[in-house]
Amino acid sequence: KISIGLIVILTYTVLSGFIFPVIRSAFMGFLVFIATSFDYESNSRRSLTIIGMIMLLNSPLLLFHISFQLSFMATAGLIYMIPIARKKTMYWMHKNFKFDKTELKYKFFMLLMLSFTCTLSAIIFCQPIIAWYFNNIAIIFTVFFIFESKRQSLHKY
């Protein structure tokens, strides 16, 4: 089961042409697969740091590539903000609504809120880099992207 996952990750990495965001994702996937195969709990923050260090030791000029910066910042946004957003969302839901956790409404609303916070956290962490490289902050694009991603996620269910 693990070897199939590793083969799929390696195949996708080769087919994508070894671009930096895919290499980062592949390394993180490898670390998670290796950790789970030895019954270790993977630590996303540590994995992201180790992968960044390995990639920068191999090619220090990656630090100046926008794809490297955006990939790591979006991933860091997900890793650092999602646990906080999940706690806040659950607290807000329990305070304002009387949902039972087994209700479909509760599960749907949690899915919608967590999807929203995933998108927003990646945007928040990437916005400084986008502003630096493009000399503007695209507020309208950010709002549009959030609503469009939610619309598409609703069509899946």
Protein backbone atom coordinates (compact mmCIF):
# COMPACT_ATOMS: atom_id res chain seq x y z
CA LYS A 1 0.00 0.00 0.00
CA ILE A 2 2.80 2.42 0.91
CA SER A 3 4.92 1.44 -2.08
CA ILE A 4 1.99 2.16 -4.41
CA GLY A 5 1.66 5.63 -2.87
CA LEU A 6 5.37 6.29 -3.29
CA ILE A 7 5.26 5.12 -6.92
CA VAL A 8 2.30 7.41 -7.65
CA ILE A 9 4.10 10.38 -6.06
CA LEU A 10 7.29 9.66 -7.99
CA THR A 11 5.40 9.21 -11.27
CA TYR A 12 3.54 12.50 -10.84
CA THR A 13 6.80 14.29 -9.99
CA VAL A 14 8.47 12.95 -13.13
CA LEU A 15 5.46 13.77 -15.33
CA SER A 16 5.31 17.34 -13.99
CA GLY A 17 8.92 17.95 -15.00
CA PHE A 18 10.35 18.26 -11.47
CA ILE A 19 9.03 21.77 -10.86
CA PHE A 20 9.74 23.15 -7.37
CA PRO A 21 6.23 23.09 -5.88
CA VAL A 22 5.77 19.47 -6.95
CA ILE A 23 9.19 18.51 -5.57
CA ARG A 24 8.22 20.07 -2.23
CA SER A 25 4.92 18.21 -2.25
CA ALA A 26 6.61 14.96 -3.22
CA PHE A 27 9.17 15.25 -0.42
CA MET A 28 6.42 15.98 2.09
CA GLY A 29 4.48 12.99 0.80
CA PHE A 30 7.56 10.80 1.10
CA LEU A 31 8.15 11.95 4.67
CA VAL A 32 4.54 11.26 5.63
CA PHE A 33 4.64 7.81 4.01
CA ILE A 34 7.93 6.95 5.71
CA ALA A 35 6.70 8.22 9.07
CA THR A 36 3.48 6.21 8.87
CA SER A 37 5.32 3.07 7.76
CA PHE A 38 7.41 3.22 10.94
CA ASP A 39 4.37 4.18 13.07
CA TYR A 40 5.63 7.70 13.74
CA GLU A 41 3.31 10.66 13.75
CA SER A 42 4.37 13.09 11.07
CA ASN A 43 4.93 16.71 12.07
CA SER A 44 3.98 19.00 9.19
CA ARG A 45 5.87 22.02 10.51
CA ARG A 46 9.08 20.08 10.96
CA SER A 47 8.65 18.34 7.60
CA LEU A 48 8.20 21.64 5.79
CA THR A 49 11.29 23.08 7.48
CA ILE A 50 13.43 20.03 6.69
CA ILE A 51 12.31 19.95 3.07
CA GLY A 52 12.98 23.68 2.68
CA MET A 53 16.47 23.29 4.13
CA ILE A 54 17.28 20.31 1.90
CA MET A 55 16.07 22.13 -1.22
CA LEU A 56 17.98 25.29 -0.32
CA LEU A 57 21.16 23.35 0.48
CA ASN A 58 20.89 21.71 -2.92
CA SER A 59 20.13 24.96 -4.74
CA PRO A 60 20.43 28.16 -2.65
CA LEU A 61 19.14 30.37 -5.47
CA LEU A 62 15.71 28.76 -5.08
CA LEU A 63 15.17 31.27 -2.30
CA PHE A 64 14.70 33.92 -5.00
CA HIS A 65 12.21 31.94 -7.14
CA ILE A 66 8.64 33.12 -6.80
CA SER A 67 7.26 29.58 -7.27
CA PHE A 68 9.39 28.33 -4.36
CA GLN A 69 8.31 31.23 -2.15
CA LEU A 70 4.61 30.96 -2.98
CA SER A 71 4.58 27.19 -2.61
CA PHE A 72 6.17 27.29 0.83
CA MET A 73 4.10 30.23 2.03
CA ALA A 74 0.81 28.65 0.92
CA THR A 75 1.75 25.39 2.63
CA ALA A 76 2.85 27.24 5.76
CA GLY A 77 -0.45 29.10 5.75
CA LEU A 78 -2.33 25.81 5.72
CA ILE A 79 -0.14 24.22 8.39
CA TYR A 80 -0.20 27.13 10.82
CA MET A 81 -3.68 28.62 10.36
CA ILE A 82 -5.96 25.60 9.86
CA PRO A 83 -5.72 24.29 13.46
CA ILE A 84 -6.48 27.76 14.81
CA ALA A 85 -9.30 28.31 12.33
CA ARG A 86 -10.79 24.89 13.12
CA LYS A 87 -10.93 25.67 16.85
CA LYS A 88 -12.41 29.11 16.27
CA THR A 89 -14.97 27.76 13.79
CA MET A 90 -16.06 24.98 16.13
CA TYR A 91 -16.32 27.40 19.06
CA TRP A 92 -18.35 29.86 16.97
CA MET A 93 -20.66 27.12 15.70
CA HIS A 94 -21.33 25.71 19.16
CA LYS A 95 -21.95 29.19 20.53
CA ASN A 96 -24.33 30.38 17.80
CA PHE A 97 -26.01 27.20 16.54
CA LYS A 98 -27.47 24.18 18.24
CA PHE A 99 -26.29 21.54 15.79
CA ASP A 100 -25.76 17.96 16.74
CA LYS A 101 -22.39 16.75 15.46
CA THR A 102 -24.06 13.86 13.67
CA GLU A 103 -26.42 16.09 11.70
CA LEU A 104 -25.80 16.56 8.02
CA LYS A 105 -26.20 20.35 8.41
CA TYR A 106 -23.33 20.40 10.91
CA LYS A 107 -21.01 18.37 8.67
CA PHE A 108 -21.88 20.46 5.63
CA PHE A 109 -21.32 23.74 7.45
CA MET A 110 -18.00 22.54 8.92
CA LEU A 111 -16.86 21.44 5.46
CA LEU A 112 -17.82 24.81 4.03
CA MET A 113 -16.12 26.79 6.81
CA LEU A 114 -12.92 24.72 6.73
CA SER A 115 -12.79 25.00 2.95
CA PHE A 116 -13.16 28.76 3.29
CA THR A 117 -10.40 28.98 5.92
CA CYS A 118 -8.04 26.82 3.84
CA THR A 119 -8.41 29.17 0.90
CA LEU A 120 -8.16 32.28 3.04
CA SER A 121 -5.08 31.08 4.94
CA ALA A 122 -3.17 30.33 1.74
CA ILE A 123 -4.15 33.74 0.33
CA ILE A 124 -3.14 35.59 3.51
CA PHE A 125 0.28 33.95 3.63
CA CYS A 126 0.93 34.48 -0.11
CA GLN A 127 -0.34 38.07 -0.29
CA PRO A 128 2.94 39.73 0.90
CA ILE A 129 4.94 37.91 -1.79
CA ILE A 130 2.38 38.79 -4.47
CA ALA A 131 2.44 42.42 -3.34
CA TRP A 132 6.25 42.48 -3.42
CA TYR A 133 6.58 41.02 -6.92
CA PHE A 134 3.58 42.68 -8.58
CA ASN A 135 3.44 45.94 -6.58
CA ASN A 136 -0.23 45.65 -5.74
CA ILE A 137 -2.67 43.80 -3.55
CA ALA A 138 -5.49 42.21 -5.49
CA ILE A 139 -8.39 42.50 -3.06
CA ILE A 140 -11.06 41.93 -5.71
CA PHE A 141 -9.25 38.84 -7.00
CA THR A 142 -8.95 37.52 -3.45
CA VAL A 143 -12.68 37.92 -2.79
CA PHE A 144 -13.55 36.40 -6.16
CA PHE A 145 -11.19 33.46 -5.62
CA ILE A 146 -12.68 32.68 -2.21
CA PHE A 147 -16.26 32.65 -3.50
CA GLU A 148 -15.41 30.80 -6.70
CA SER A 149 -13.53 28.06 -4.84
CA LYS A 150 -16.51 27.65 -2.50
CA ARG A 151 -18.92 27.46 -5.43
CA GLN A 152 -16.83 24.73 -7.02
CA SER A 153 -16.50 22.80 -3.76
CA LEU A 154 -20.30 22.87 -3.35
CA HIS A 155 -20.76 21.35 -6.83
CA LYS A 156 -18.66 18.35 -5.80
CA TYR A 157 -21.22 17.39 -3.15
